[in-house]
PDB file of N, CA and C in Angstrom:
ATOM      1  N   MET A   1       0.817  -1.189   0.000  1.00  0.00           N
ATOM      2  CA  MET A   1       0.000   0.000   0.000  1.00  0.00           C
ATOM      3  C   MET A   1       0.858   1.249   0.000  1.00  0.00           C
ATOM      4  N   THR A   2       1.927   1.266   0.768  1.00  0.00           N
ATOM      5  CA  THR A   2       2.805   2.421   0.841  1.00  0.00           C
ATOM      6  C   THR A   2       3.543   2.611  -0.479  1.00  0.00           C
ATOM      7  N   GLU A   3       3.943   1.503  -1.067  1.00  0.00           N
ATOM      8  CA  GLU A   3       4.663   1.587  -2.343  1.00  0.00           C
ATOM      9  C   GLU A   3       3.784   2.178  -3.445  1.00  0.00           C
ATOM     10  N   GLN A   4       2.528   1.845  -3.451  1.00  0.00           N
ATOM     11  CA  GLN A   4       1.605   2.356  -4.454  1.00  0.00           C
ATOM     12  C   GLN A   4       1.371   3.858  -4.262  1.00  0.00           C
ATOM     13  N   ALA A   5       1.278   4.308  -3.016  1.00  0.00           N
ATOM     14  CA  ALA A   5       1.081   5.727  -2.728  1.00  0.00           C
ATOM     15  C   ALA A   5       2.310   6.519  -3.188  1.00  0.00           C
ATOM     16  N   GLY A   6       3.505   5.973  -2.980  1.00  0.00           N
ATOM     17  CA  GLY A   6       4.735   6.642  -3.415  1.00  0.00           C
ATOM     18  C   GLY A   6       4.813   6.751  -4.918  1.00  0.00           C
ATOM     19  N   THR A   7       4.373   5.726  -5.632  1.00  0.00           N
ATOM     20  CA  THR A   7       4.390   5.726  -7.088  1.00  0.00           C
ATOM     21  C   THR A   7       3.411   6.767  -7.646  1.00  0.00           C
ATOM     22  N   SER A   8       2.240   6.853  -7.059  1.00  0.00           N
ATOM     23  CA  SER A   8       1.259   7.806  -7.569  1.00  0.00           C
ATOM     24  C   SER A   8       1.699   9.246  -7.310  1.00  0.00           C
ATOM     25  N   SER A   9       2.399   9.510  -6.221  1.00  0.00           N
ATOM     26  CA  SER A   9       2.879  10.874  -5.986  1.00  0.00           C
ATOM     27  C   SER A   9       3.960  11.250  -7.001  1.00  0.00           C
ATOM     28  N   TRP A  10       4.785  10.289  -7.402  1.00  0.00           N
ATOM     29  CA  TRP A  10       5.780  10.569  -8.445  1.00  0.00           C
ATOM     30  C   TRP A  10       5.110  10.841  -9.789  1.00  0.00           C
ATOM     31  N   LEU A  11       4.066  10.075 -10.067  1.00  0.00           N
ATOM     32  CA  LEU A  11       3.331  10.308 -11.313  1.00  0.00           C
ATOM     33  C   LEU A  11       2.703  11.700 -11.323  1.00  0.00           C
ATOM     34  N   LYS A  12       2.171  12.138 -10.188  1.00  0.00           N
ATOM     35  CA  LYS A  12       1.601  13.485 -10.097  1.00  0.00           C
ATOM     36  C   LYS A  12       2.684  14.540 -10.340  1.00  0.00           C
ATOM     37  N   ARG A  13       3.837  14.343  -9.761  1.00  0.00           N
ATOM     38  CA  ARG A  13       4.948  15.290  -9.953  1.00  0.00           C
ATOM     39  C   ARG A  13       5.368  15.353 -11.415  1.00  0.00           C
ATOM     40  N   ILE A  14       5.437  14.192 -12.058  1.00  0.00           N
ATOM     41  CA  ILE A  14       5.826  14.156 -13.471  1.00  0.00           C
ATOM     42  C   ILE A  14       4.777  14.879 -14.321  1.00  0.00           C
ATOM     43  N   ARG A  15       3.494  14.668 -14.023  1.00  0.00           N
ATOM     44  CA  ARG A  15       2.428  15.339 -14.767  1.00  0.00           C
ATOM     45  C   ARG A  15       2.497  16.858 -14.571  1.00  0.00           C
ATOM     46  N   ILE A  16       2.725  17.291 -13.343  1.00  0.00           N
ATOM     47  CA  ILE A  16       2.831  18.731 -13.072  1.00  0.00           C
ATOM     48  C   ILE A  16       4.022  19.320 -13.814  1.00  0.00           C
ATOM     49  N   PHE A  17       5.168  18.649 -13.754  1.00  0.00           N
ATOM     50  CA  PHE A  17       6.368  19.119 -14.441  1.00  0.00           C
ATOM     51  C   PHE A  17       6.133  19.187 -15.947  1.00  0.00           C
ATOM     52  N   THR A  18       5.503  18.161 -16.507  1.00  0.00           N
ATOM     53  CA  THR A  18       5.236  18.132 -17.938  1.00  0.00           C
ATOM     54  C   THR A  18       4.291  19.266 -18.330  1.00  0.00           C
ATOM     55  N   GLY A  19       3.268  19.497 -17.530  1.00  0.00           N
ATOM     56  CA  GLY A  19       2.338  20.592 -17.798  1.00  0.00           C
ATOM     57  C   GLY A  19       3.028  21.949 -17.773  1.00  0.00           C
ATOM     58  N   LEU A  20       3.878  22.166 -16.764  1.00  0.00           N
ATOM     59  CA  LEU A  20       4.619  23.425 -16.677  1.00  0.00           C
ATOM     60  C   LEU A  20       5.573  23.590 -17.854  1.00  0.00           C
ATOM     61  N   LEU A  21       6.217  22.515 -18.254  1.00  0.00           N
ATOM     62  CA  LEU A  21       7.132  22.566 -19.395  1.00  0.00           C
ATOM     63  C   LEU A  21       6.382  22.925 -20.678  1.00  0.00           C
ATOM     64  N   LEU A  22       5.224  22.312 -20.885  1.00  0.00           N
ATOM     65  CA  LEU A  22       4.429  22.620 -22.082  1.00  0.00           C
ATOM     66  C   LEU A  22       3.946  24.069 -22.064  1.00  0.00           C
ATOM     67  N   MET A  23       3.560  24.569 -20.901  1.00  0.00           N
ATOM     68  CA  MET A  23       3.148  25.977 -20.817  1.00  0.00           C
ATOM     69  C   MET A  23       4.312  26.909 -21.129  1.00  0.00           C
ATOM     70  N   ALA A  24       5.493  26.589 -20.626  1.00  0.00           N
ATOM     71  CA  ALA A  24       6.664  27.419 -20.898  1.00  0.00           C
ATOM     72  C   ALA A  24       6.992  27.421 -22.390  1.00  0.00           C
ATOM     73  N   LEU A  25       6.880  26.272 -23.029  1.00  0.00           N
ATOM     74  CA  LEU A  25       7.119  26.200 -24.477  1.00  0.00           C
ATOM     75  C   LEU A  25       6.085  27.009 -25.249  1.00  0.00           C
ATOM     76  N   ALA A  26       4.835  26.960 -24.832  1.00  0.00           N
ATOM     77  CA  ALA A  26       3.786  27.726 -25.503  1.00  0.00           C
ATOM     78  C   ALA A  26       4.030  29.224 -25.353  1.00  0.00           C
ATOM     79  N   VAL A  27       4.414  29.668 -24.169  1.00  0.00           N
ATOM     80  CA  VAL A  27       4.701  31.093 -23.952  1.00  0.00           C
ATOM     81  C   VAL A  27       5.913  31.512 -24.781  1.00  0.00           C
ATOM     82  N   GLY A  28       6.946  30.685 -24.808  1.00  0.00           N
ATOM     83  CA  GLY A  28       8.133  30.987 -25.613  1.00  0.00           C
ATOM     84  C   GLY A  28       7.803  31.085 -27.095  1.00  0.00           C
ATOM     85  N   GLY A  29       6.972  30.188 -27.589  1.00  0.00           N
ATOM     86  CA  GLY A  29       6.556  30.243 -28.996  1.00  0.00           C
ATOM     87  C   GLY A  29       5.765  31.502 -29.307  1.00  0.00           C
ATOM     88  N   ALA A  30       4.881  31.899 -28.381  1.00  0.00           N
ATOM     89  CA  ALA A  30       4.095  33.117 -28.586  1.00  0.00           C
ATOM     90  C   ALA A  30       4.991  34.351 -28.613  1.00  0.00           C
ATOM     91  N   VAL A  31       5.990  34.384 -27.749  1.00  0.00           N
ATOM     92  CA  VAL A  31       6.923  35.513 -27.734  1.00  0.00           C
ATOM     93  C   VAL A  31       7.713  35.565 -29.038  1.00  0.00           C
ATOM     94  N   MET A  32       8.158  34.418 -29.534  1.00  0.00           N
ATOM     95  CA  MET A  32       8.901  34.394 -30.793  1.00  0.00           C
ATOM     96  C   MET A  32       8.038  34.880 -31.951  1.00  0.00           C
ATOM     97  N   LEU A  33       6.773  34.478 -31.984  1.00  0.00           N
ATOM     98  CA  LEU A  33       5.885  34.926 -33.059  1.00  0.00           C
ATOM     99  C   LEU A  33       5.620  36.424 -32.972  1.00  0.00           C
ATOM    100  N   ALA A  34       5.495  36.925 -31.754  1.00  0.00           N
ATOM    101  CA  ALA A  34       5.190  38.351 -31.575  1.00  0.00           C
ATOM    102  C   ALA A  34       6.373  39.243 -31.936  1.00  0.00           C
ATOM    103  N   THR A  35       7.572  38.733 -31.777  1.00  0.00           N
ATOM    104  CA  THR A  35       8.755  39.552 -32.018  1.00  0.00           C
ATOM    105  C   THR A  35       9.505  39.128 -33.277  1.00  0.00           C
ATOM    106  N   ALA A  36       8.828  38.442 -34.204  1.00  0.00           N
ATOM    107  CA  ALA A  36       9.486  37.977 -35.420  1.00  0.00           C
ATOM    108  C   ALA A  36       9.955  39.162 -36.252  1.00  0.00           C
ATOM    109  N   GLY A  37      11.033  38.961 -36.926  1.00  0.00           N
ATOM    110  CA  GLY A  37      11.596  40.008 -37.775  1.00  0.00           C
ATOM    111  C   GLY A  37      13.099  40.012 -37.636  1.00  0.00           C
ATOM    112  N   GLY A  38      13.731  40.815 -38.436  1.00  0.00           N
ATOM    113  CA  GLY A  38      15.176  40.842 -38.382  1.00  0.00           C
ATOM    114  C   GLY A  38      15.729  42.185 -38.789  1.00  0.00           C
ATOM    115  N   MET A  39      17.011  42.334 -38.521  1.00  0.00           N
ATOM    116  CA  MET A  39      17.718  43.565 -38.863  1.00  0.00           C
ATOM    117  C   MET A  39      19.143  43.206 -39.242  1.00  0.00           C
ATOM    118  N   SER A  40      19.657  43.918 -40.222  1.00  0.00           N
ATOM    119  CA  SER A  40      21.031  43.710 -40.649  1.00  0.00           C
ATOM    120  C   SER A  40      21.637  45.063 -40.993  1.00  0.00           C
ATOM    121  N   SER A  41      22.920  45.187 -40.764  1.00  0.00           N
ATOM    122  CA  SER A  41      23.609  46.432 -41.059  1.00  0.00           C
ATOM    123  C   SER A  41      25.015  46.116 -41.548  1.00  0.00           C
ATOM    124  N   GLY A  42      25.473  46.907 -42.498  1.00  0.00           N
ATOM    125  CA  GLY A  42      26.815  46.701 -43.016  1.00  0.00           C
ATOM    126  C   GLY A  42      27.359  47.971 -43.646  1.00  0.00           C
ATOM    127  N   THR A  43      28.670  47.966 -43.872  1.00  0.00           N
ATOM    128  CA  THR A  43      29.335  49.117 -44.485  1.00  0.00           C
ATOM    129  C   THR A  43      29.924  48.689 -45.818  1.00  0.00           C
ATOM    130  N   LEU A  44      29.658  49.479 -46.840  1.00  0.00           N
ATOM    131  CA  LEU A  44      30.154  49.181 -48.180  1.00  0.00           C
ATOM    132  C   LEU A  44      31.554  49.760 -48.362  1.00  0.00           C
ATOM    133  N   ALA A  45      32.196  49.404 -49.472  1.00  0.00           N
ATOM    134  CA  ALA A  45      33.570  49.842 -49.745  1.00  0.00           C
ATOM    135  C   ALA A  45      33.700  51.361 -49.758  1.00  0.00           C
ATOM    136  N   SER A  46      32.644  52.054 -50.166  1.00  0.00           N
ATOM    137  CA  SER A  46      32.679  53.523 -50.241  1.00  0.00           C
ATOM    138  C   SER A  46      32.536  54.176 -48.864  1.00  0.00           C
ATOM    139  N   GLY A  47      32.238  53.376 -47.847  1.00  0.00           N
ATOM    140  CA  GLY A  47      32.016  53.913 -46.509  1.00  0.00           C
ATOM    141  C   GLY A  47      30.540  54.115 -46.193  1.00  0.00           C
ATOM    142  N   ARG A  48      29.676  53.885 -47.161  1.00  0.00           N
ATOM    143  CA  ARG A  48      28.237  54.023 -46.957  1.00  0.00           C
ATOM    144  C   ARG A  48      27.733  52.887 -46.055  1.00  0.00           C
ATOM    145  N   SER A  49      26.913  53.254 -45.099  1.00  0.00           N
ATOM    146  CA  SER A  49      26.305  52.227 -44.258  1.00  0.00           C
ATOM    147  C   SER A  49      24.905  51.932 -44.779  1.00  0.00           C
ATOM    148  N   VAL A  50      24.562  50.653 -44.790  1.00  0.00           N
ATOM    149  CA  VAL A  50      23.239  50.212 -45.240  1.00  0.00           C
ATOM    150  C   VAL A  50      22.611  49.420 -44.100  1.00  0.00           C
ATOM    151  N   THR A  51      21.407  49.821 -43.715  1.00  0.00           N
ATOM    152  CA  THR A  51      20.684  49.152 -42.649  1.00  0.00           C
ATOM    153  C   THR A  51      19.373  48.632 -43.206  1.00  0.00           C
ATOM    154  N   ALA A  52      19.081  47.360 -42.946  1.00  0.00           N
ATOM    155  CA  ALA A  52      17.846  46.744 -43.424  1.00  0.00           C
ATOM    156  C   ALA A  52      17.059  46.215 -42.236  1.00  0.00           C
ATOM    157  N   GLN A  53      15.766  46.523 -42.211  1.00  0.00           N
ATOM    158  CA  GLN A  53      14.851  45.993 -41.196  1.00  0.00           C
ATOM    159  C   GLN A  53      13.712  45.301 -41.914  1.00  0.00           C
ATOM    160  N   SER A  54      13.269  44.167 -41.376  1.00  0.00           N
ATOM    161  CA  SER A  54      12.180  43.437 -42.012  1.00  0.00           C
ATOM    162  C   SER A  54      11.296  42.797 -40.960  1.00  0.00           C
ATOM    163  N   ASP A  55      10.000  42.737 -41.247  1.00  0.00           N
ATOM    164  CA  ASP A  55       9.085  42.039 -40.365  1.00  0.00           C
ATOM    165  C   ASP A  55       8.985  40.560 -40.737  1.00  0.00           C
ATOM    166  N   SER A  56       9.738  40.147 -41.740  1.00  0.00           N
ATOM    167  CA  SER A  56       9.755  38.755 -42.172  1.00  0.00           C
ATOM    168  C   SER A  56      10.679  37.941 -41.263  1.00  0.00           C
ATOM    169  N   TRP A  57      10.436  36.648 -41.206  1.00  0.00           N
ATOM    170  CA  TRP A  57      11.282  35.775 -40.385  1.00  0.00           C
ATOM    171  C   TRP A  57      12.671  35.627 -40.978  1.00  0.00           C
ATOM    172  N   LYS A  58      12.774  35.775 -42.294  1.00  0.00           N
ATOM    173  CA  LYS A  58      14.070  35.554 -42.938  1.00  0.00           C
ATOM    174  C   LYS A  58      14.586  36.856 -43.535  1.00  0.00           C
ATOM    175  N   LEU A  59      15.810  37.166 -43.214  1.00  0.00           N
ATOM    176  CA  LEU A  59      16.478  38.347 -43.759  1.00  0.00           C
ATOM    177  C   LEU A  59      17.897  37.933 -44.102  1.00  0.00           C
ATOM    178  N   ASP A  60      18.221  37.998 -45.378  1.00  0.00           N
ATOM    179  CA  ASP A  60      19.537  37.622 -45.880  1.00  0.00           C
ATOM    180  C   ASP A  60      20.167  38.861 -46.498  1.00  0.00           C
ATOM    181  N   ALA A  61      21.267  39.338 -45.964  1.00  0.00           N
ATOM    182  CA  ALA A  61      21.914  40.535 -46.504  1.00  0.00           C
ATOM    183  C   ALA A  61      23.372  40.231 -46.832  1.00  0.00           C
ATOM    184  N   THR A  62      23.799  40.695 -48.000  1.00  0.00           N
ATOM    185  CA  THR A  62      25.181  40.523 -48.441  1.00  0.00           C
ATOM    186  C   THR A  62      25.726  41.901 -48.805  1.00  0.00           C
ATOM    187  N   TYR A  63      26.881  42.219 -48.263  1.00  0.00           N
ATOM    188  CA  TYR A  63      27.535  43.504 -48.536  1.00  0.00           C
ATOM    189  C   TYR A  63      28.831  43.187 -49.262  1.00  0.00           C
ATOM    190  N   SER A  64      28.860  43.508 -50.562  1.00  0.00           N
ATOM    191  CA  SER A  64      30.005  43.148 -51.378  1.00  0.00           C
ATOM    192  C   SER A  64      30.400  44.348 -52.240  1.00  0.00           C
ATOM    193  N   GLY A  65      31.644  44.777 -52.093  1.00  0.00           N
ATOM    194  CA  GLY A  65      32.111  45.926 -52.865  1.00  0.00           C
ATOM    195  C   GLY A  65      31.299  47.156 -52.498  1.00  0.00           C
ATOM    196  N   ASP A  66      30.629  47.729 -53.475  1.00  0.00           N
ATOM    197  CA  ASP A  66      29.822  48.922 -53.245  1.00  0.00           C
ATOM    198  C   ASP A  66      28.333  48.640 -53.441  1.00  0.00           C
ATOM    199  N   THR A  67      27.946  47.363 -53.258  1.00  0.00           N
ATOM    200  CA  THR A  67      26.556  46.963 -53.452  1.00  0.00           C
ATOM    201  C   THR A  67      26.084  46.122 -52.270  1.00  0.00           C
ATOM    202  N   ALA A  68      24.871  46.408 -51.822  1.00  0.00           N
ATOM    203  CA  ALA A  68      24.231  45.597 -50.787  1.00  0.00           C
ATOM    204  C   ALA A  68      23.065  44.863 -51.423  1.00  0.00           C
ATOM    205  N   THR A  69      22.971  43.573 -51.179  1.00  0.00           N
ATOM    206  CA  THR A  69      21.868  42.762 -51.678  1.00  0.00           C
ATOM    207  C   THR A  69      21.107  42.223 -50.480  1.00  0.00           C
ATOM    208  N   ILE A  70      19.806  42.487 -50.453  1.00  0.00           N
ATOM    209  CA  ILE A  70      18.969  42.100 -49.319  1.00  0.00           C
ATOM    210  C   ILE A  70      17.837  41.232 -49.841  1.00  0.00           C
ATOM    211  N   LYS A  71      17.702  40.040 -49.274  1.00  0.00           N
ATOM    212  CA  LYS A  71      16.608  39.141 -49.649  1.00  0.00           C
ATOM    213  C   LYS A  71      15.740  38.922 -48.412  1.00  0.00           C
ATOM    214  N   THR A  72      14.489  39.350 -48.517  1.00  0.00           N
ATOM    215  CA  THR A  72      13.562  39.201 -47.406  1.00  0.00           C
ATOM    216  C   THR A  72      12.126  39.325 -47.900  1.00  0.00           C
ATOM    217  N   ALA A  73      11.227  38.626 -47.264  1.00  0.00           N
ATOM    218  CA  ALA A  73       9.784  38.712 -47.540  1.00  0.00           C
ATOM    219  C   ALA A  73       9.455  38.554 -49.025  1.00  0.00           C
ATOM    220  N   GLY A  74      10.234  37.747 -49.731  1.00  0.00           N
ATOM    221  CA  GLY A  74       9.994  37.538 -51.151  1.00  0.00           C
ATOM    222  C   GLY A  74      10.535  38.636 -52.056  1.00  0.00           C
ATOM    223  N   PHE A  75      11.211  39.611 -51.482  1.00  0.00           N
ATOM    224  CA  PHE A  75      11.810  40.703 -52.247  1.00  0.00           C
ATOM    225  C   PHE A  75      13.300  40.449 -52.435  1.00  0.00           C
ATOM    226  N   ASN A  76      13.833  40.894 -53.563  1.00  0.00           N
ATOM    227  CA  ASN A  76      15.266  40.908 -53.802  1.00  0.00           C
ATOM    228  C   ASN A  76      15.644  42.376 -53.989  1.00  0.00           C
ATOM    229  N   ILE A  77      16.228  42.976 -52.950  1.00  0.00           N
ATOM    230  CA  ILE A  77      16.510  44.415 -52.926  1.00  0.00           C
ATOM    231  C   ILE A  77      18.001  44.618 -53.146  1.00  0.00           C
ATOM    232  N   GLU A  78      18.322  45.597 -53.981  1.00  0.00           N
ATOM    233  CA  GLU A  78      19.720  45.890 -54.265  1.00  0.00           C
ATOM    234  C   GLU A  78      19.966  47.390 -54.077  1.00  0.00           C
ATOM    235  N   VAL A  79      20.968  47.698 -53.277  1.00  0.00           N
ATOM    236  CA  VAL A  79      21.389  49.092 -53.076  1.00  0.00           C
ATOM    237  C   VAL A  79      22.734  49.239 -53.770  1.00  0.00           C
ATOM    238  N   THR A  80      22.757  50.026 -54.858  1.00  0.00           N
ATOM    239  CA  THR A  80      23.981  50.265 -55.615  1.00  0.00           C
ATOM    240  C   THR A  80      24.433  51.696 -55.324  1.00  0.00           C
ATOM    241  N   PRO A  81      25.573  52.121 -55.854  1.00  0.00           N
ATOM    242  CA  PRO A  81      26.041  53.474 -55.547  1.00  0.00           C
ATOM    243  C   PRO A  81      25.049  54.585 -55.892  1.00  0.00           C
ATOM    244  N   ASP A  82      24.232  54.383 -56.945  1.00  0.00           N
ATOM    245  CA  ASP A  82      23.322  55.468 -57.330  1.00  0.00           C
ATOM    246  C   ASP A  82      21.878  55.037 -57.558  1.00  0.00           C
ATOM    247  N   ARG A  83      21.549  53.770 -57.246  1.00  0.00           N
ATOM    248  CA  ARG A  83      20.187  53.277 -57.498  1.00  0.00           C
ATOM    249  C   ARG A  83      19.696  52.368 -56.377  1.00  0.00           C
ATOM    250  N   LEU A  84      18.366  52.294 -56.298  1.00  0.00           N
ATOM    251  CA  LEU A  84      17.687  51.331 -55.436  1.00  0.00           C
ATOM    252  C   LEU A  84      16.840  50.445 -56.339  1.00  0.00           C
ATOM    253  N   ASN A  85      17.105  49.151 -56.313  1.00  0.00           N
ATOM    254  CA  ASN A  85      16.395  48.212 -57.184  1.00  0.00           C
ATOM    255  C   ASN A  85      15.605  47.216 -56.336  1.00  0.00           C
ATOM    256  N   VAL A  86      14.432  46.853 -56.807  1.00  0.00           N
ATOM    257  CA  VAL A  86      13.637  45.790 -56.188  1.00  0.00           C
ATOM    258  C   VAL A  86      13.266  44.813 -57.297  1.00  0.00           C
ATOM    259  N   ASP A  87      13.643  43.561 -57.107  1.00  0.00           N
ATOM    260  CA  ASP A  87      13.371  42.511 -58.087  1.00  0.00           C
ATOM    261  C   ASP A  87      13.816  42.932 -59.490  1.00  0.00           C
ATOM    262  N   ARG A  88      15.016  43.475 -59.562  1.00  0.00           N
ATOM    263  CA  ARG A  88      15.680  43.903 -60.800  1.00  0.00           C
ATOM    264  C   ARG A  88      15.023  45.100 -61.489  1.00  0.00           C
ATOM    265  N   GLN A  89      14.144  45.783 -60.800  1.00  0.00           N
ATOM    266  CA  GLN A  89      13.537  46.997 -61.351  1.00  0.00           C
ATOM    267  C   GLN A  89      14.044  48.204 -60.575  1.00  0.00           C
ATOM    268  N   ARG A  90      14.426  49.244 -61.296  1.00  0.00           N
ATOM    269  CA  ARG A  90      14.879  50.464 -60.633  1.00  0.00           C
ATOM    270  C   ARG A  90      13.679  51.128 -59.963  1.00  0.00           C
ATOM    271  N   ILE A  91      13.831  51.418 -58.683  1.00  0.00           N
ATOM    272  CA  ILE A  91      12.768  52.084 -57.930  1.00  0.00           C
ATOM    273  C   ILE A  91      13.086  53.568 -57.787  1.00  0.00           C
ATOM    274  N   ALA A  92      14.360  53.882 -57.554  1.00  0.00           N
ATOM    275  CA  ALA A  92      14.733  55.292 -57.384  1.00  0.00           C
ATOM    276  C   ALA A  92      16.225  55.457 -57.604  1.00  0.00           C
ATOM    277  N   PHE A  93      16.603  56.676 -57.958  1.00  0.00           N
ATOM    278  CA  PHE A  93      18.002  57.064 -57.980  1.00  0.00           C
ATOM    279  C   PHE A  93      18.328  57.692 -56.631  1.00  0.00           C
ATOM    280  N   ILE A  94      19.556  57.504 -56.174  1.00  0.00           N
ATOM    281  CA  ILE A  94      20.005  58.159 -54.946  1.00  0.00           C
ATOM    282  C   ILE A  94      21.328  58.863 -55.226  1.00  0.00           C
ATOM    283  N   ASP A  95      21.631  59.829 -54.406  1.00  0.00           N
ATOM    284  CA  ASP A  95      22.887  60.566 -54.520  1.00  0.00           C
ATOM    285  C   ASP A  95      24.029  59.610 -54.182  1.00  0.00           C
ATOM    286  N   SER A  96      24.996  59.509 -55.058  1.00  0.00           N
ATOM    287  CA  SER A  96      26.114  58.587 -54.822  1.00  0.00           C
ATOM    288  C   SER A  96      26.962  59.008 -53.624  1.00  0.00           C
ATOM    289  N   ARG A  97      26.758  60.245 -53.132  1.00  0.00           N
ATOM    290  CA  ARG A  97      27.501  60.709 -51.950  1.00  0.00           C
ATOM    291  C   ARG A  97      26.767  60.406 -50.644  1.00  0.00           C
ATOM    292  N   ALA A  98      25.589  59.811 -50.712  1.00  0.00           N
ATOM    293  CA  ALA A  98      24.820  59.496 -49.501  1.00  0.00           C
ATOM    294  C   ALA A  98      25.642  58.578 -48.598  1.00  0.00           C
ATOM    295  N   LYS A  99      25.723  58.918 -47.341  1.00  0.00           N
ATOM    296  CA  LYS A  99      26.539  58.158 -46.385  1.00  0.00           C
ATOM    297  C   LYS A  99      25.777  57.007 -45.734  1.00  0.00           C
ATOM    298  N   SER A 100      24.445  57.091 -45.726  1.00  0.00           N
ATOM    299  CA  SER A 100      23.669  56.002 -45.130  1.00  0.00           C
ATOM    300  C   SER A 100      22.387  55.776 -45.908  1.00  0.00           C
ATOM    301  N   VAL A 101      22.019  54.515 -46.022  1.00  0.00           N
ATOM    302  CA  VAL A 101      20.781  54.135 -46.688  1.00  0.00           C
ATOM    303  C   VAL A 101      20.034  53.197 -45.748  1.00  0.00           C
ATOM    304  N   GLY A 102      18.753  53.479 -45.552  1.00  0.00           N
ATOM    305  CA  GLY A 102      17.908  52.634 -44.722  1.00  0.00           C
ATOM    306  C   GLY A 102      16.841  51.971 -45.572  1.00  0.00           C
ATOM    307  N   VAL A 103      16.616  50.683 -45.319  1.00  0.00           N
ATOM    308  CA  VAL A 103      15.614  49.911 -46.039  1.00  0.00           C
ATOM    309  C   VAL A 103      14.720  49.257 -44.989  1.00  0.00           C
ATOM    310  N   LYS A 104      13.438  49.555 -45.036  1.00  0.00           N
ATOM    311  CA  LYS A 104      12.499  48.978 -44.062  1.00  0.00           C
ATOM    312  C   LYS A 104      11.396  48.249 -44.810  1.00  0.00           C
ATOM    313  N   VAL A 105      11.243  46.958 -44.512  1.00  0.00           N
ATOM    314  CA  VAL A 105      10.230  46.127 -45.157  1.00  0.00           C
ATOM    315  C   VAL A 105       9.168  45.786 -44.119  1.00  0.00           C
ATOM    316  N   LYS A 106       7.934  46.155 -44.442  1.00  0.00           N
ATOM    317  CA  LYS A 106       6.838  45.868 -43.515  1.00  0.00           C
ATOM    318  C   LYS A 106       5.558  45.686 -44.314  1.00  0.00           C
ATOM    319  N   ALA A 107       4.926  44.529 -44.133  1.00  0.00           N
ATOM    320  CA  ALA A 107       3.623  44.239 -44.741  1.00  0.00           C
ATOM    321  C   ALA A 107       3.604  44.520 -46.248  1.00  0.00           C
ATOM    322  N   ASN A 108       4.517  43.884 -46.983  1.00  0.00           N
ATOM    323  CA  ASN A 108       4.598  44.025 -48.443  1.00  0.00           C
ATOM    324  C   ASN A 108       4.842  45.451 -48.911  1.00  0.00           C
ATOM    325  N   GLU A 109       5.532  46.224 -48.117  1.00  0.00           N
ATOM    326  CA  GLU A 109       5.896  47.594 -48.474  1.00  0.00           C
ATOM    327  C   GLU A 109       7.358  47.806 -48.103  1.00  0.00           C
ATOM    328  N   ILE A 110       8.080  48.483 -48.979  1.00  0.00           N
ATOM    329  CA  ILE A 110       9.481  48.808 -48.715  1.00  0.00           C
ATOM    330  C   ILE A 110       9.608  50.320 -48.697  1.00  0.00           C
ATOM    331  N   ILE A 111      10.218  50.840 -47.648  1.00  0.00           N
ATOM    332  CA  ILE A 111      10.460  52.278 -47.530  1.00  0.00           C
ATOM    333  C   ILE A 111      11.970  52.495 -47.531  1.00  0.00           C
ATOM    334  N   PHE A 112      12.426  53.371 -48.414  1.00  0.00           N
ATOM    335  CA  PHE A 112      13.848  53.673 -48.551  1.00  0.00           C
ATOM    336  C   PHE A 112      14.143  55.067 -48.012  1.00  0.00           C
ATOM    337  N   HIS A 113      15.245  55.192 -47.289  1.00  0.00           N
ATOM    338  CA  HIS A 113      15.740  56.486 -46.813  1.00  0.00           C
ATOM    339  C   HIS A 113      17.215  56.601 -47.171  1.00  0.00           C
ATOM    340  N   ALA A 114      17.654  57.804 -47.501  1.00  0.00           N
ATOM    341  CA  ALA A 114      19.074  58.078 -47.724  1.00  0.00           C
ATOM    342  C   ALA A 114      19.439  59.294 -46.884  1.00  0.00           C
ATOM    343  N   ASP A 115      20.440  59.137 -46.059  1.00  0.00           N
ATOM    344  CA  ASP A 115      20.864  60.186 -45.124  1.00  0.00           C
ATOM    345  C   ASP A 115      19.687  60.702 -44.284  1.00  0.00           C
ATOM    346  N   GLY A 116      18.808  59.782 -43.899  1.00  0.00           N
ATOM    347  CA  GLY A 116      17.685  60.118 -43.028  1.00  0.00           C
ATOM    348  C   GLY A 116      16.486  60.719 -43.717  1.00  0.00           C
ATOM    349  N   LYS A 117      16.556  60.917 -45.012  1.00  0.00           N
ATOM    350  CA  LYS A 117      15.444  61.519 -45.751  1.00  0.00           C
ATOM    351  C   LYS A 117      14.760  60.470 -46.617  1.00  0.00           C
ATOM    352  N   TRP A 118      13.435  60.551 -46.690  1.00  0.00           N
ATOM    353  CA  TRP A 118      12.661  59.612 -47.489  1.00  0.00           C
ATOM    354  C   TRP A 118      13.076  59.712 -48.953  1.00  0.00           C
ATOM    355  N   VAL A 119      13.225  58.551 -49.593  1.00  0.00           N
ATOM    356  CA  VAL A 119      13.579  58.506 -51.015  1.00  0.00           C
ATOM    357  C   VAL A 119      12.438  57.909 -51.835  1.00  0.00           C
ATOM    358  N   ALA A 120      11.937  56.746 -51.407  1.00  0.00           N
ATOM    359  CA  ALA A 120      10.899  56.077 -52.191  1.00  0.00           C
ATOM    360  C   ALA A 120      10.162  55.064 -51.323  1.00  0.00           C
ATOM    361  N   THR A 121       8.958  54.742 -51.769  1.00  0.00           N
ATOM    362  CA  THR A 121       8.172  53.671 -51.166  1.00  0.00           C
ATOM    363  C   THR A 121       7.731  52.748 -52.291  1.00  0.00           C
ATOM    364  N   TYR A 122       7.927  51.457 -52.087  1.00  0.00           N
ATOM    365  CA  TYR A 122       7.541  50.460 -53.080  1.00  0.00           C
ATOM    366  C   TYR A 122       6.509  49.540 -52.438  1.00  0.00           C
ATOM    367  N   ARG A 123       5.375  49.351 -53.112  1.00  0.00           N
ATOM    368  CA  ARG A 123       4.319  48.465 -52.612  1.00  0.00           C
ATOM    369  C   ARG A 123       4.089  47.340 -53.607  1.00  0.00           C
ATOM    370  N   ARG A 124       3.902  46.164 -53.088  1.00  0.00           N
ATOM    371  CA  ARG A 124       3.625  45.014 -53.952  1.00  0.00           C
ATOM    372  C   ARG A 124       2.137  44.795 -54.019  1.00  0.00           C
TER     373      ARG A 124
END
């Protein structure tokens, strides 16, 4: 009788622990979904800094020479010395002397800034 009571108390402890673990995993998953998105920043050969923010789970940025290539949310964005391209289409010209370029992707919209000033908005 005593052995059976000891076994059932261990089973209760295991059930409580398992329940708490599952709740912690659910809360962690909810936090990850709520804070999904990414950010990347890099400096090009000319000294220009390029910063990309996206609400997508995947953000792939490559900084090579004087060009930044950003792949996120189904977009292929390219920042060249004097142009902003999305999916191989020119969206805007920028001053080649611009020291910083910002790219923000949110809800199928891309907003471009150069030296803190708005340059263009692209909507899909």
